[in-house]
Every structure is written in C-alpha cells, then in structure tokens.
Amino acid sequence: MAIKITDECINCGACEPECPNGAIYEGGIEWRFSDKTNVKGHFTASSGLTAEADAVHPPLSADYYYIVTDKCTECVGFHEEPQCASVCPVDCCVPDTDNVESKEELAMKQKALHP
C-alpha cells in the first residue's frame, strides 16, 4: 500500500529528500511524474491516470506535505522500509489503507517509474 502524510505534519520537510521516487511534495507545490523518475513522454500510472510525464498536476494539499500515490512504492526496489516514515519526527507518514498494493504491484510501479 502507498504511504500518506496525515494532517499532523509539522512541515519539517525531513521526508521529501528521502523519497527515491520524488513522490513527496511540499504543500501547495505542483507535481509531475517526471520529478526524480526516468519517466518520459506519455505515461499511464497503475491507477489508470494518463498524462505526459512533464505535465503539471495540482497540489494534493495546500497546507502540509503530501505523497502522490501514483509515485509511491513504499521504497520497494530501493530500501527495506519506507524512508519517509523512518525519518518523520511526528510519525505522520502512515500506510494509506485506501490504496493497498502488494509488494509485487509496488515493484512493478517502481520499474515503470525507473525503466
């Protein structure tokens, strides 16, 4: 399953540089599939969202850091555990029970983001 950041976030920013997929953004910042990935051209995410890799998407939160589910692999393919959760000082990086994925699905997502 993907990770989400709860509204308990204190906006410290410790999580953002730890994400190998560039899935974490500061509140109010737009996101792209191409940020910190090897995605180019037309891309279809595992959720079915289709867009150009460099297309700008609106922020998912204006108030605190957020994680783009379509880019989160729980660090599968990079680390043994989600790095955002391991560095968060207030434990607000938690499993997103609305977006449950198997390790195999997360591995396929990682390969799609980093071909």
PDB file of N, CA and C in Angstrom:
ATOM      1  N   MET A   1       0.845  -1.179   0.000  1.00  0.00           N
ATOM      2  CA  MET A   1       0.000   0.000   0.000  1.00  0.00           C
ATOM      3  C   MET A   1       0.880   1.229   0.000  1.00  0.00           C
ATOM      4  N   ALA A   2       0.379   2.304  -0.489  1.00  0.00           N
ATOM      5  CA  ALA A   2       1.132   3.546  -0.503  1.00  0.00           C
ATOM      6  C   ALA A   2       1.168   4.131   0.915  1.00  0.00           C
ATOM      7  N   ILE A   3       1.968   5.141   1.051  1.00  0.00           N
ATOM      8  CA  ILE A   3       2.068   5.871   2.314  1.00  0.00           C
ATOM      9  C   ILE A   3       1.354   7.205   2.126  1.00  0.00           C
ATOM     10  N   LYS A   4       0.773   7.719   3.190  1.00  0.00           N
ATOM     11  CA  LYS A   4       0.171   9.049   3.149  1.00  0.00           C
ATOM     12  C   LYS A   4       0.711   9.856   4.317  1.00  0.00           C
ATOM     13  N   ILE A   5       0.598  11.157   4.199  1.00  0.00           N
ATOM     14  CA  ILE A   5       1.009  12.065   5.268  1.00  0.00           C
ATOM     15  C   ILE A   5      -0.251  12.639   5.882  1.00  0.00           C
ATOM     16  N   THR A   6      -0.375  12.510   7.180  1.00  0.00           N
ATOM     17  CA  THR A   6      -1.578  12.988   7.865  1.00  0.00           C
ATOM     18  C   THR A   6      -1.486  14.484   8.137  1.00  0.00           C
ATOM     19  N   ASP A   7      -2.602  15.042   8.571  1.00  0.00           N
ATOM     20  CA  ASP A   7      -2.646  16.474   8.865  1.00  0.00           C
ATOM     21  C   ASP A   7      -1.897  16.827  10.148  1.00  0.00           C
ATOM     22  N   GLU A   8      -1.267  15.837  10.778  1.00  0.00           N
ATOM     23  CA  GLU A   8      -0.413  16.103  11.934  1.00  0.00           C
ATOM     24  C   GLU A   8       0.979  16.565  11.504  1.00  0.00           C
ATOM     25  N   CYS A   9       1.221  16.614  10.193  1.00  0.00           N
ATOM     26  CA  CYS A   9       2.510  17.034   9.637  1.00  0.00           C
ATOM     27  C   CYS A   9       2.886  18.426  10.147  1.00  0.00           C
ATOM     28  N   ILE A  10       4.140  18.578  10.563  1.00  0.00           N
ATOM     29  CA  ILE A  10       4.622  19.865  11.065  1.00  0.00           C
ATOM     30  C   ILE A  10       5.426  20.625  10.003  1.00  0.00           C
ATOM     31  N   ASN A  11       5.391  20.120   8.758  1.00  0.00           N
ATOM     32  CA  ASN A  11       6.078  20.766   7.629  1.00  0.00           C
ATOM     33  C   ASN A  11       7.576  20.921   7.839  1.00  0.00           C
ATOM     34  N   CYS A  12       8.190  19.910   8.453  1.00  0.00           N
ATOM     35  CA  CYS A  12       9.634  19.987   8.685  1.00  0.00           C
ATOM     36  C   CYS A  12      10.429  19.698   7.416  1.00  0.00           C
ATOM     37  N   GLY A  13       9.833  18.932   6.488  1.00  0.00           N
ATOM     38  CA  GLY A  13      10.500  18.633   5.225  1.00  0.00           C
ATOM     39  C   GLY A  13      11.502  17.493   5.281  1.00  0.00           C
ATOM     40  N   ALA A  14      11.607  16.789   6.390  1.00  0.00           N
ATOM     41  CA  ALA A  14      12.586  15.705   6.505  1.00  0.00           C
ATOM     42  C   ALA A  14      12.307  14.577   5.512  1.00  0.00           C
ATOM     43  N   CYS A  15      11.073  14.360   5.187  1.00  0.00           N
ATOM     44  CA  CYS A  15      10.685  13.239   4.327  1.00  0.00           C
ATOM     45  C   CYS A  15      11.003  13.463   2.844  1.00  0.00           C
ATOM     46  N   GLU A  16      10.841  14.657   2.378  1.00  0.00           N
ATOM     47  CA  GLU A  16      10.927  14.930   0.937  1.00  0.00           C
ATOM     48  C   GLU A  16      12.222  14.457   0.285  1.00  0.00           C
ATOM     49  N   PRO A  17      13.395  14.798   0.797  1.00  0.00           N
ATOM     50  CA  PRO A  17      14.621  14.351   0.121  1.00  0.00           C
ATOM     51  C   PRO A  17      14.883  12.851   0.240  1.00  0.00           C
ATOM     52  N   GLU A  18      14.193  12.178   1.146  1.00  0.00           N
ATOM     53  CA  GLU A  18      14.395  10.743   1.352  1.00  0.00           C
ATOM     54  C   GLU A  18      13.671   9.890   0.309  1.00  0.00           C
ATOM     55  N   CYS A  19      12.690  10.455  -0.378  1.00  0.00           N
ATOM     56  CA  CYS A  19      11.862   9.679  -1.300  1.00  0.00           C
ATOM     57  C   CYS A  19      12.589   9.440  -2.623  1.00  0.00           C
ATOM     58  N   PRO A  20      12.887   8.181  -2.957  1.00  0.00           N
ATOM     59  CA  PRO A  20      13.611   7.887  -4.186  1.00  0.00           C
ATOM     60  C   PRO A  20      12.773   8.059  -5.451  1.00  0.00           C
ATOM     61  N   ASN A  21      11.467   8.198  -5.290  1.00  0.00           N
ATOM     62  CA  ASN A  21      10.577   8.362  -6.433  1.00  0.00           C
ATOM     63  C   ASN A  21      10.107   9.799  -6.632  1.00  0.00           C
ATOM     64  N   GLY A  22      10.520  10.693  -5.751  1.00  0.00           N
ATOM     65  CA  GLY A  22      10.052  12.071  -5.852  1.00  0.00           C
ATOM     66  C   GLY A  22       8.549  12.163  -5.672  1.00  0.00           C
ATOM     67  N   ALA A  23       7.992  11.320  -4.811  1.00  0.00           N
ATOM     68  CA  ALA A  23       6.543  11.282  -4.608  1.00  0.00           C
ATOM     69  C   ALA A  23       6.070  12.259  -3.540  1.00  0.00           C
ATOM     70  N   ILE A  24       6.988  12.880  -2.820  1.00  0.00           N
ATOM     71  CA  ILE A  24       6.624  13.760  -1.712  1.00  0.00           C
ATOM     72  C   ILE A  24       6.855  15.212  -2.114  1.00  0.00           C
ATOM     73  N   TYR A  25       5.828  16.025  -1.864  1.00  0.00           N
ATOM     74  CA  TYR A  25       5.875  17.436  -2.238  1.00  0.00           C
ATOM     75  C   TYR A  25       5.432  18.302  -1.062  1.00  0.00           C
ATOM     76  N   GLU A  26       5.993  19.477  -1.007  1.00  0.00           N
ATOM     77  CA  GLU A  26       5.577  20.460  -0.011  1.00  0.00           C
ATOM     78  C   GLU A  26       4.169  20.932  -0.354  1.00  0.00           C
ATOM     79  N   GLY A  27       3.388  21.202   0.665  1.00  0.00           N
ATOM     80  CA  GLY A  27       2.027  21.702   0.444  1.00  0.00           C
ATOM     81  C   GLY A  27       2.018  22.899  -0.491  1.00  0.00           C
ATOM     82  N   GLY A  28       1.097  22.885  -1.443  1.00  0.00           N
ATOM     83  CA  GLY A  28       0.954  23.989  -2.394  1.00  0.00           C
ATOM     84  C   GLY A  28       1.820  23.870  -3.633  1.00  0.00           C
ATOM     85  N   ILE A  29       2.709  22.888  -3.678  1.00  0.00           N
ATOM     86  CA  ILE A  29       3.610  22.715  -4.822  1.00  0.00           C
ATOM     87  C   ILE A  29       2.993  21.717  -5.808  1.00  0.00           C
ATOM     88  N   GLU A  30       3.013  22.075  -7.089  1.00  0.00           N
ATOM     89  CA  GLU A  30       2.511  21.186  -8.140  1.00  0.00           C
ATOM     90  C   GLU A  30       3.468  20.011  -8.326  1.00  0.00           C
ATOM     91  N   TRP A  31       2.959  18.910  -8.888  1.00  0.00           N
ATOM     92  CA  TRP A  31       3.789  17.718  -9.073  1.00  0.00           C
ATOM     93  C   TRP A  31       3.755  17.242 -10.520  1.00  0.00           C
ATOM     94  N   ARG A  32       4.769  16.428 -10.869  1.00  0.00           N
ATOM     95  CA  ARG A  32       4.908  15.837 -12.201  1.00  0.00           C
ATOM     96  C   ARG A  32       5.379  14.391 -12.049  1.00  0.00           C
ATOM     97  N   PHE A  33       4.995  13.540 -12.996  1.00  0.00           N
ATOM     98  CA  PHE A  33       5.509  12.175 -12.992  1.00  0.00           C
ATOM     99  C   PHE A  33       7.013  12.160 -13.220  1.00  0.00           C
ATOM    100  N   SER A  34       7.538  13.115 -13.956  1.00  0.00           N
ATOM    101  CA  SER A  34       8.965  13.126 -14.297  1.00  0.00           C
ATOM    102  C   SER A  34       9.872  13.549 -13.144  1.00  0.00           C
ATOM    103  N   ASP A  35       9.334  14.145 -12.107  1.00  0.00           N
ATOM    104  CA  ASP A  35      10.157  14.587 -10.973  1.00  0.00           C
ATOM    105  C   ASP A  35      10.832  13.390 -10.302  1.00  0.00           C
ATOM    106  N   LYS A  36      12.168  13.349 -10.321  1.00  0.00           N
ATOM    107  CA  LYS A  36      13.002  12.311  -9.694  1.00  0.00           C
ATOM    108  C   LYS A  36      12.734  10.899 -10.209  1.00  0.00           C
ATOM    109  N   THR A  37      12.167  10.780 -11.421  1.00  0.00           N
ATOM    110  CA  THR A  37      11.968   9.470 -12.033  1.00  0.00           C
ATOM    111  C   THR A  37      12.595   9.499 -13.423  1.00  0.00           C
ATOM    112  N   ASN A  38      12.521   8.382 -14.119  1.00  0.00           N
ATOM    113  CA  ASN A  38      13.012   8.311 -15.505  1.00  0.00           C
ATOM    114  C   ASN A  38      11.867   8.329 -16.502  1.00  0.00           C
ATOM    115  N   VAL A  39      10.684   8.694 -16.055  1.00  0.00           N
ATOM    116  CA  VAL A  39       9.503   8.708 -16.917  1.00  0.00           C
ATOM    117  C   VAL A  39       9.632   9.830 -17.942  1.00  0.00           C
ATOM    118  N   LYS A  40       9.343   9.461 -19.201  1.00  0.00           N
ATOM    119  CA  LYS A  40       9.372  10.433 -20.293  1.00  0.00           C
ATOM    120  C   LYS A  40       8.154  10.210 -21.180  1.00  0.00           C
ATOM    121  N   GLY A  41       7.724  11.251 -21.855  1.00  0.00           N
ATOM    122  CA  GLY A  41       6.617  11.134 -22.793  1.00  0.00           C
ATOM    123  C   GLY A  41       5.302  10.812 -22.124  1.00  0.00           C
ATOM    124  N   HIS A  42       4.486  10.065 -22.843  1.00  0.00           N
ATOM    125  CA  HIS A  42       3.161   9.689 -22.369  1.00  0.00           C
ATOM    126  C   HIS A  42       3.289   8.568 -21.344  1.00  0.00           C
ATOM    127  N   PHE A  43       2.618   8.711 -20.195  1.00  0.00           N
ATOM    128  CA  PHE A  43       2.752   7.738 -19.112  1.00  0.00           C
ATOM    129  C   PHE A  43       1.377   7.389 -18.559  1.00  0.00           C
ATOM    130  N   THR A  44       1.172   6.108 -18.298  1.00  0.00           N
ATOM    131  CA  THR A  44      -0.047   5.652 -17.638  1.00  0.00           C
ATOM    132  C   THR A  44       0.344   5.025 -16.311  1.00  0.00           C
ATOM    133  N   ALA A  45      -0.155   5.600 -15.235  1.00  0.00           N
ATOM    134  CA  ALA A  45       0.135   5.102 -13.886  1.00  0.00           C
ATOM    135  C   ALA A  45      -0.689   3.860 -13.599  1.00  0.00           C
ATOM    136  N   SER A  46      -0.319   3.138 -12.566  1.00  0.00           N
ATOM    137  CA  SER A  46      -1.034   1.920 -12.199  1.00  0.00           C
ATOM    138  C   SER A  46      -2.488   2.196 -11.821  1.00  0.00           C
ATOM    139  N   SER A  47      -2.797   3.418 -11.427  1.00  0.00           N
ATOM    140  CA  SER A  47      -4.179   3.784 -11.094  1.00  0.00           C
ATOM    141  C   SER A  47      -5.023   4.021 -12.336  1.00  0.00           C
ATOM    142  N   GLY A  48      -4.347   4.128 -13.490  1.00  0.00           N
ATOM    143  CA  GLY A  48      -5.047   4.434 -14.731  1.00  0.00           C
ATOM    144  C   GLY A  48      -4.900   5.876 -15.160  1.00  0.00           C
ATOM    145  N   LEU A  49      -4.374   6.725 -14.285  1.00  0.00           N
ATOM    146  CA  LEU A  49      -4.140   8.118 -14.645  1.00  0.00           C
ATOM    147  C   LEU A  49      -3.135   8.188 -15.789  1.00  0.00           C
ATOM    148  N   THR A  50      -3.497   8.885 -16.855  1.00  0.00           N
ATOM    149  CA  THR A  50      -2.646   9.020 -18.024  1.00  0.00           C
ATOM    150  C   THR A  50      -2.302  10.484 -18.213  1.00  0.00           C
ATOM    151  N   ALA A  51      -1.018  10.765 -18.443  1.00  0.00           N
ATOM    152  CA  ALA A  51      -0.572  12.137 -18.626  1.00  0.00           C
ATOM    153  C   ALA A  51       0.811  12.148 -19.257  1.00  0.00           C
ATOM    154  N   GLU A  52       1.197  13.287 -19.774  1.00  0.00           N
ATOM    155  CA  GLU A  52       2.573  13.479 -20.206  1.00  0.00           C
ATOM    156  C   GLU A  52       3.438  13.537 -18.952  1.00  0.00           C
ATOM    157  N   ALA A  53       4.613  12.997 -19.021  1.00  0.00           N
ATOM    158  CA  ALA A  53       5.492  12.931 -17.848  1.00  0.00           C
ATOM    159  C   ALA A  53       5.773  14.306 -17.251  1.00  0.00           C
ATOM    160  N   ASP A  54       5.898  15.315 -18.116  1.00  0.00           N
ATOM    161  CA  ASP A  54       6.203  16.661 -17.635  1.00  0.00           C
ATOM    162  C   ASP A  54       4.959  17.517 -17.374  1.00  0.00           C
ATOM    163  N   ALA A  55       3.769  16.929 -17.524  1.00  0.00           N
ATOM    164  CA  ALA A  55       2.537  17.681 -17.269  1.00  0.00           C
ATOM    165  C   ALA A  55       2.459  18.057 -15.795  1.00  0.00           C
ATOM    166  N   VAL A  56       2.007  19.246 -15.542  1.00  0.00           N
ATOM    167  CA  VAL A  56       1.887  19.753 -14.174  1.00  0.00           C
ATOM    168  C   VAL A  56       0.526  19.366 -13.606  1.00  0.00           C
ATOM    169  N   HIS A  57       0.549  18.801 -12.393  1.00  0.00           N
ATOM    170  CA  HIS A  57      -0.676  18.408 -11.702  1.00  0.00           C
ATOM    171  C   HIS A  57      -0.841  19.289 -10.467  1.00  0.00           C
ATOM    172  N   PRO A  58      -2.073  19.605 -10.110  1.00  0.00           N
ATOM    173  CA  PRO A  58      -2.294  20.466  -8.943  1.00  0.00           C
ATOM    174  C   PRO A  58      -1.868  19.789  -7.646  1.00  0.00           C
ATOM    175  N   PRO A  59      -1.478  20.591  -6.661  1.00  0.00           N
ATOM    176  CA  PRO A  59      -1.088  20.027  -5.364  1.00  0.00           C
ATOM    177  C   PRO A  59      -2.250  19.266  -4.734  1.00  0.00           C
ATOM    178  N   LEU A  60      -1.919  18.199  -4.023  1.00  0.00           N
ATOM    179  CA  LEU A  60      -2.938  17.411  -3.327  1.00  0.00           C
ATOM    180  C   LEU A  60      -3.240  17.974  -1.944  1.00  0.00           C
ATOM    181  N   SER A  61      -2.412  18.888  -1.484  1.00  0.00           N
ATOM    182  CA  SER A  61      -2.619  19.566  -0.213  1.00  0.00           C
ATOM    183  C   SER A  61      -2.010  20.962  -0.306  1.00  0.00           C
ATOM    184  N   ALA A  62      -2.673  21.912   0.260  1.00  0.00           N
ATOM    185  CA  ALA A  62      -2.130  23.267   0.298  1.00  0.00           C
ATOM    186  C   ALA A  62      -1.448  23.561   1.624  1.00  0.00           C
ATOM    187  N   ASP A  63      -1.748  22.760   2.637  1.00  0.00           N
ATOM    188  CA  ASP A  63      -1.323  23.088   3.994  1.00  0.00           C
ATOM    189  C   ASP A  63      -0.114  22.329   4.517  1.00  0.00           C
ATOM    190  N   TYR A  64       0.102  21.108   4.036  1.00  0.00           N
ATOM    191  CA  TYR A  64       1.213  20.315   4.545  1.00  0.00           C
ATOM    192  C   TYR A  64       1.729  19.396   3.446  1.00  0.00           C
ATOM    193  N   TYR A  65       2.873  18.783   3.697  1.00  0.00           N
ATOM    194  CA  TYR A  65       3.480  17.883   2.720  1.00  0.00           C
ATOM    195  C   TYR A  65       2.489  16.781   2.352  1.00  0.00           C
ATOM    196  N   TYR A  66       2.615  16.296   1.118  1.00  0.00           N
ATOM    197  CA  TYR A  66       1.731  15.226   0.651  1.00  0.00           C
ATOM    198  C   TYR A  66       2.510  14.239  -0.204  1.00  0.00           C
ATOM    199  N   ILE A  67       1.941  13.051  -0.370  1.00  0.00           N
ATOM    200  CA  ILE A  67       2.551  11.994  -1.160  1.00  0.00           C
ATOM    201  C   ILE A  67       1.633  11.675  -2.333  1.00  0.00           C
ATOM    202  N   VAL A  68       2.198  11.650  -3.538  1.00  0.00           N
ATOM    203  CA  VAL A  68       1.453  11.269  -4.730  1.00  0.00           C
ATOM    204  C   VAL A  68       1.404   9.743  -4.769  1.00  0.00           C
ATOM    205  N   THR A  69       0.225   9.187  -4.578  1.00  0.00           N
ATOM    206  CA  THR A  69       0.051   7.732  -4.517  1.00  0.00           C
ATOM    207  C   THR A  69       0.584   7.050  -5.772  1.00  0.00           C
ATOM    208  N   ASP A  70       0.364   7.653  -6.930  1.00  0.00           N
ATOM    209  CA  ASP A  70       0.817   7.051  -8.189  1.00  0.00           C
ATOM    210  C   ASP A  70       2.335   6.976  -8.306  1.00  0.00           C
ATOM    211  N   LYS A  71       3.058   7.653  -7.429  1.00  0.00           N
ATOM    212  CA  LYS A  71       4.524   7.606  -7.457  1.00  0.00           C
ATOM    213  C   LYS A  71       5.114   6.876  -6.252  1.00  0.00           C
ATOM    214  N   CYS A  72       4.304   6.601  -5.230  1.00  0.00           N
ATOM    215  CA  CYS A  72       4.803   5.969  -4.011  1.00  0.00           C
ATOM    216  C   CYS A  72       4.898   4.464  -4.180  1.00  0.00           C
ATOM    217  N   THR A  73       6.080   3.931  -3.916  1.00  0.00           N
ATOM    218  CA  THR A  73       6.297   2.477  -3.949  1.00  0.00           C
ATOM    219  C   THR A  73       6.685   1.937  -2.578  1.00  0.00           C
ATOM    220  N   GLU A  74       6.480   2.714  -1.532  1.00  0.00           N
ATOM    221  CA  GLU A  74       6.911   2.348  -0.177  1.00  0.00           C
ATOM    222  C   GLU A  74       8.400   2.029  -0.162  1.00  0.00           C
ATOM    223  N   CYS A  75       9.133   2.613  -1.084  1.00  0.00           N
ATOM    224  CA  CYS A  75      10.580   2.438  -1.246  1.00  0.00           C
ATOM    225  C   CYS A  75      10.960   1.041  -1.743  1.00  0.00           C
ATOM    226  N   VAL A  76       9.985   0.236  -2.179  1.00  0.00           N
ATOM    227  CA  VAL A  76      10.283  -1.068  -2.769  1.00  0.00           C
ATOM    228  C   VAL A  76      11.199  -0.842  -3.971  1.00  0.00           C
ATOM    229  N   GLY A  77      12.240  -1.653  -4.048  1.00  0.00           N
ATOM    230  CA  GLY A  77      13.226  -1.512  -5.115  1.00  0.00           C
ATOM    231  C   GLY A  77      14.385  -0.609  -4.729  1.00  0.00           C
ATOM    232  N   PHE A  78      14.282   0.041  -3.578  1.00  0.00           N
ATOM    233  CA  PHE A  78      15.332   0.941  -3.099  1.00  0.00           C
ATOM    234  C   PHE A  78      15.777   0.631  -1.675  1.00  0.00           C
ATOM    235  N   HIS A  79      14.826   0.474  -0.767  1.00  0.00           N
ATOM    236  CA  HIS A  79      15.108   0.306   0.661  1.00  0.00           C
ATOM    237  C   HIS A  79      14.199  -0.777   1.245  1.00  0.00           C
ATOM    238  N   GLU A  80      14.544  -1.238   2.420  1.00  0.00           N
ATOM    239  CA  GLU A  80      13.767  -2.269   3.107  1.00  0.00           C
ATOM    240  C   GLU A  80      12.477  -1.732   3.731  1.00  0.00           C
ATOM    241  N   GLU A  81      12.428  -0.428   3.985  1.00  0.00           N
ATOM    242  CA  GLU A  81      11.250   0.178   4.607  1.00  0.00           C
ATOM    243  C   GLU A  81      11.049   1.580   4.047  1.00  0.00           C
ATOM    244  N   PRO A  82       9.832   2.109   4.139  1.00  0.00           N
ATOM    245  CA  PRO A  82       9.580   3.468   3.649  1.00  0.00           C
ATOM    246  C   PRO A  82      10.446   4.483   4.404  1.00  0.00           C
ATOM    247  N   GLN A  83      11.260   5.192   3.668  1.00  0.00           N
ATOM    248  CA  GLN A  83      12.188   6.135   4.282  1.00  0.00           C
ATOM    249  C   GLN A  83      11.493   7.342   4.883  1.00  0.00           C
ATOM    250  N   CYS A  84      10.376   7.767   4.292  1.00  0.00           N
ATOM    251  CA  CYS A  84       9.650   8.911   4.841  1.00  0.00           C
ATOM    252  C   CYS A  84       9.205   8.621   6.270  1.00  0.00           C
ATOM    253  N   ALA A  85       8.670   7.417   6.481  1.00  0.00           N
ATOM    254  CA  ALA A  85       8.203   7.043   7.815  1.00  0.00           C
ATOM    255  C   ALA A  85       9.360   6.925   8.797  1.00  0.00           C
ATOM    256  N   SER A  86      10.508   6.461   8.306  1.00  0.00           N
ATOM    257  CA  SER A  86      11.629   6.263   9.222  1.00  0.00           C
ATOM    258  C   SER A  86      12.258   7.577   9.687  1.00  0.00           C
ATOM    259  N   VAL A  87      12.109   8.658   8.916  1.00  0.00           N
ATOM    260  CA  VAL A  87      12.706   9.936   9.317  1.00  0.00           C
ATOM    261  C   VAL A  87      11.702  10.929   9.891  1.00  0.00           C
ATOM    262  N   CYS A  88      10.430  10.629   9.823  1.00  0.00           N
ATOM    263  CA  CYS A  88       9.406  11.572  10.285  1.00  0.00           C
ATOM    264  C   CYS A  88       9.448  11.708  11.811  1.00  0.00           C
ATOM    265  N   PRO A  89       9.661  12.929  12.309  1.00  0.00           N
ATOM    266  CA  PRO A  89       9.762  13.116  13.760  1.00  0.00           C
ATOM    267  C   PRO A  89       8.426  13.041  14.495  1.00  0.00           C
ATOM    268  N   VAL A  90       7.307  13.120  13.764  1.00  0.00           N
ATOM    269  CA  VAL A  90       5.996  13.084  14.430  1.00  0.00           C
ATOM    270  C   VAL A  90       5.147  11.890  13.982  1.00  0.00           C
ATOM    271  N   ASP A  91       5.753  10.953  13.284  1.00  0.00           N
ATOM    272  CA  ASP A  91       5.071   9.729  12.844  1.00  0.00           C
ATOM    273  C   ASP A  91       3.786   9.994  12.071  1.00  0.00           C
ATOM    274  N   CYS A  92       3.838  10.953  11.145  1.00  0.00           N
ATOM    275  CA  CYS A  92       2.637  11.240  10.353  1.00  0.00           C
ATOM    276  C   CYS A  92       2.688  10.620   8.953  1.00  0.00           C
ATOM    277  N   CYS A  93       3.746   9.875   8.630  1.00  0.00           N
ATOM    278  CA  CYS A  93       3.826   9.127   7.378  1.00  0.00           C
ATOM    279  C   CYS A  93       3.349   7.714   7.698  1.00  0.00           C
ATOM    280  N   VAL A  94       2.121   7.422   7.290  1.00  0.00           N
ATOM    281  CA  VAL A  94       1.472   6.174   7.689  1.00  0.00           C
ATOM    282  C   VAL A  94       0.939   5.439   6.460  1.00  0.00           C
ATOM    283  N   PRO A  95       0.676   4.127   6.589  1.00  0.00           N
ATOM    284  CA  PRO A  95       0.088   3.393   5.467  1.00  0.00           C
ATOM    285  C   PRO A  95      -1.251   3.996   5.049  1.00  0.00           C
ATOM    286  N   ASP A  96      -1.456   4.075   3.745  1.00  0.00           N
ATOM    287  CA  ASP A  96      -2.697   4.601   3.186  1.00  0.00           C
ATOM    288  C   ASP A  96      -3.623   3.416   2.917  1.00  0.00           C
ATOM    289  N   THR A  97      -4.527   3.162   3.825  1.00  0.00           N
ATOM    290  CA  THR A  97      -5.409   1.999   3.710  1.00  0.00           C
ATOM    291  C   THR A  97      -6.398   2.125   2.556  1.00  0.00           C
ATOM    292  N   ASP A  98      -6.513   3.289   1.958  1.00  0.00           N
ATOM    293  CA  ASP A  98      -7.364   3.469   0.782  1.00  0.00           C
ATOM    294  C   ASP A  98      -6.644   3.062  -0.498  1.00  0.00           C
ATOM    295  N   ASN A  99      -5.336   2.827  -0.413  1.00  0.00           N
ATOM    296  CA  ASN A  99      -4.534   2.473  -1.582  1.00  0.00           C
ATOM    297  C   ASN A  99      -3.623   1.293  -1.254  1.00  0.00           C
ATOM    298  N   VAL A 100      -4.217   0.128  -1.143  1.00  0.00           N
ATOM    299  CA  VAL A 100      -3.491  -1.085  -0.784  1.00  0.00           C
ATOM    300  C   VAL A 100      -2.916  -1.727  -2.051  1.00  0.00           C
ATOM    301  N   GLU A 101      -1.605  -2.010  -2.022  1.00  0.00           N
ATOM    302  CA  GLU A 101      -0.925  -2.669  -3.135  1.00  0.00           C
ATOM    303  C   GLU A 101       0.004  -3.746  -2.569  1.00  0.00           C
ATOM    304  N   SER A 102       0.149  -4.830  -3.309  1.00  0.00           N
ATOM    305  CA  SER A 102       1.056  -5.895  -2.895  1.00  0.00           C
ATOM    306  C   SER A 102       2.494  -5.477  -3.175  1.00  0.00           C
ATOM    307  N   LYS A 103       3.446  -6.219  -2.597  1.00  0.00           N
ATOM    308  CA  LYS A 103       4.870  -5.955  -2.873  1.00  0.00           C
ATOM    309  C   LYS A 103       5.151  -6.096  -4.365  1.00  0.00           C
ATOM    310  N   GLU A 104       4.493  -7.049  -5.017  1.00  0.00           N
ATOM    311  CA  GLU A 104       4.684  -7.245  -6.458  1.00  0.00           C
ATOM    312  C   GLU A 104       4.176  -6.036  -7.250  1.00  0.00           C
ATOM    313  N   GLU A 105       3.017  -5.521  -6.862  1.00  0.00           N
ATOM    314  CA  GLU A 105       2.469  -4.336  -7.534  1.00  0.00           C
ATOM    315  C   GLU A 105       3.376  -3.126  -7.321  1.00  0.00           C
ATOM    316  N   LEU A 106       3.893  -2.986  -6.100  1.00  0.00           N
ATOM    317  CA  LEU A 106       4.799  -1.872  -5.813  1.00  0.00           C
ATOM    318  C   LEU A 106       6.083  -2.006  -6.623  1.00  0.00           C
ATOM    319  N   ALA A 107       6.578  -3.230  -6.775  1.00  0.00           N
ATOM    320  CA  ALA A 107       7.785  -3.464  -7.577  1.00  0.00           C
ATOM    321  C   ALA A 107       7.536  -3.125  -9.048  1.00  0.00           C
ATOM    322  N   MET A 108       6.362  -3.470  -9.563  1.00  0.00           N
ATOM    323  CA  MET A 108       6.039  -3.138 -10.955  1.00  0.00           C
ATOM    324  C   MET A 108       5.927  -1.625 -11.130  1.00  0.00           C
ATOM    325  N   LYS A 109       5.360  -0.940 -10.139  1.00  0.00           N
ATOM    326  CA  LYS A 109       5.259   0.518 -10.195  1.00  0.00           C
ATOM    327  C   LYS A 109       6.658   1.133 -10.196  1.00  0.00           C
ATOM    328  N   GLN A 110       7.554   0.593  -9.353  1.00  0.00           N
ATOM    329  CA  GLN A 110       8.924   1.109  -9.293  1.00  0.00           C
ATOM    330  C   GLN A 110       9.611   0.951 -10.642  1.00  0.00           C
ATOM    331  N   LYS A 111       9.429  -0.197 -11.298  1.00  0.00           N
ATOM    332  CA  LYS A 111      10.035  -0.437 -12.609  1.00  0.00           C
ATOM    333  C   LYS A 111       9.465   0.491 -13.673  1.00  0.00           C
ATOM    334  N   ALA A 112       8.178   0.824 -13.565  1.00  0.00           N
ATOM    335  CA  ALA A 112       7.556   1.746 -14.518  1.00  0.00           C
ATOM    336  C   ALA A 112       8.092   3.171 -14.342  1.00  0.00           C
ATOM    337  N   LEU A 113       8.366   3.548 -13.097  1.00  0.00           N
ATOM    338  CA  LEU A 113       8.878   4.898 -12.822  1.00  0.00           C
ATOM    339  C   LEU A 113      10.362   5.036 -13.114  1.00  0.00           C
ATOM    340  N   HIS A 114      11.070   3.909 -13.102  1.00  0.00           N
ATOM    341  CA  HIS A 114      12.524   3.921 -13.303  1.00  0.00           C
ATOM    342  C   HIS A 114      12.934   2.854 -14.330  1.00  0.00           C
ATOM    343  N   PRO A 115      12.417   2.998 -15.574  1.00  0.00           N
ATOM    344  CA  PRO A 115      12.757   1.976 -16.595  1.00  0.00           C
ATOM    345  C   PRO A 115      14.234   2.006 -16.963  1.00  0.00           C
TER     346      PRO A 115
END
